[in-house]
C-alpha atoms as a PDB file:
ATOM      1  CA  MET A   1      -2.487   5.162  33.977  1.00  0.00           C
ATOM      2  CA  VAL A   2      -4.775   4.599  31.555  1.00  0.00           C
ATOM      3  CA  LEU A   3      -2.780   2.572  28.283  1.00  0.00           C
ATOM      4  CA  PRO A   4      -3.961   4.063  24.727  1.00  0.00           C
ATOM      5  CA  PRO A   5      -5.710   1.784  22.512  1.00  0.00           C
ATOM      6  CA  PRO A   6      -4.044  -1.055  20.961  1.00  0.00           C
ATOM      7  CA  LYS A   7      -3.839   0.429  17.499  1.00  0.00           C
ATOM      8  CA  ARG A   8      -1.826   3.486  18.988  1.00  0.00           C
ATOM      9  CA  LEU A   9       0.393   1.213  20.774  1.00  0.00           C
ATOM     10  CA  ALA A  10       1.356  -0.635  18.055  1.00  0.00           C
ATOM     11  CA  PHE A  11       2.005   2.708  15.635  1.00  0.00           C
ATOM     12  CA  TYR A  12       4.531   4.199  18.999  1.00  0.00           C
ATOM     13  CA  ALA A  13       5.854   1.004  18.742  1.00  0.00           C
ATOM     14  CA  ALA A  14       6.734   0.638  15.271  1.00  0.00           C
ATOM     15  CA  LEU A  15       8.323   4.275  14.895  1.00  0.00           C
ATOM     16  CA  GLY A  16      10.389   3.465  18.199  1.00  0.00           C
ATOM     17  CA  VAL A  17      11.652   0.412  16.332  1.00  0.00           C
ATOM     18  CA  LEU A  18      11.963   1.867  13.198  1.00  0.00           C
ATOM     19  CA  THR A  19      14.371   4.920  15.317  1.00  0.00           C
ATOM     20  CA  ALA A  20      16.489   1.933  16.878  1.00  0.00           C
ATOM     21  CA  LEU A  21      17.568   0.695  13.498  1.00  0.00           C
ATOM     22  CA  GLU A  22      17.985   3.846  12.396  1.00  0.00           C
ATOM     23  CA  ILE A  23      15.881   3.757   9.452  1.00  0.00           C
ATOM     24  CA  VAL A  24      13.922   7.025  10.442  1.00  0.00           C
ATOM     25  CA  GLU A  25      16.388   9.646  12.475  1.00  0.00           C
ATOM     26  CA  TRP A  26      15.049  10.471  16.059  1.00  0.00           C
ATOM     27  CA  PRO A  27      14.198  14.099  15.224  1.00  0.00           C
ATOM     28  CA  ILE A  28      11.403  12.982  12.346  1.00  0.00           C
ATOM     29  CA  ALA A  29      10.280  10.132  14.174  1.00  0.00           C
ATOM     30  CA  VAL A  30       9.594  12.860  17.478  1.00  0.00           C
ATOM     31  CA  VAL A  31       7.839  14.468  14.876  1.00  0.00           C
ATOM     32  CA  ILE A  32       5.856  11.872  13.157  1.00  0.00           C
ATOM     33  CA  GLY A  33       4.904  10.579  16.757  1.00  0.00           C
ATOM     34  CA  VAL A  34       3.467  13.969  17.963  1.00  0.00           C
ATOM     35  CA  GLY A  35       2.084  15.011  14.525  1.00  0.00           C
ATOM     36  CA  HIS A  36      -0.127  11.221  15.015  1.00  0.00           C
ATOM     37  CA  PHE A  37      -0.718  12.038  18.439  1.00  0.00           C
ATOM     38  CA  LEU A  38      -2.297  15.744  17.590  1.00  0.00           C
ATOM     39  CA  ALA A  39      -4.422  14.027  14.947  1.00  0.00           C
ATOM     40  CA  GLU A  40      -5.782  11.791  17.475  1.00  0.00           C
ATOM     41  CA  GLN A  41      -6.830  14.330  19.650  1.00  0.00           C
ATOM     42  CA  HIS A  42      -8.803  16.005  17.355  1.00  0.00           C
ATOM     43  CA  VAL A  43      -7.861  19.233  19.285  1.00  0.00           C
ATOM     44  CA  SER A  44      -9.158  21.309  15.897  1.00  0.00           C
ATOM     45  CA  ARG A  45      -9.030  20.722  12.128  1.00  0.00           C
ATOM     46  CA  ALA A  46      -6.100  22.493  11.732  1.00  0.00           C
ATOM     47  CA  LEU A  47      -4.289  20.869  14.027  1.00  0.00           C
ATOM     48  CA  GLN A  48      -5.317  17.891  12.770  1.00  0.00           C
ATOM     49  CA  GLY A  49      -4.075  18.806   8.994  1.00  0.00           C
ATOM     50  CA  ILE A  50      -0.577  19.550  10.393  1.00  0.00           C
ATOM     51  CA  GLY A  51      -0.772  15.941  12.235  1.00  0.00           C
ATOM     52  CA  GLN A  52      -1.607  14.337   9.234  1.00  0.00           C
ATOM     53  CA  ALA A  53       1.214  16.298   7.129  1.00  0.00           C
ATOM     54  CA  ALA A  54       3.425  14.810   9.886  1.00  0.00           C
ATOM     55  CA  GLU A  55       2.552  11.705   9.049  1.00  0.00           C
ATOM     56  CA  VAL A  56       3.291  11.626   5.753  1.00  0.00           C
ATOM     57  CA  VAL A  57       6.831  13.334   5.946  1.00  0.00           C
END
């Protein structure tokens, strides 16, 4: 099993903490997490734009 880079792990950990503290609701956290993952994957320009838009939310 390969771990993601520390920067990405820190992002997901912070998102998890915000969700656990109920600062961010879990459905929003899922959208942000998936959007960030897709943007990092560089699957396509369209998905990258959607991922960045989801991060802003």
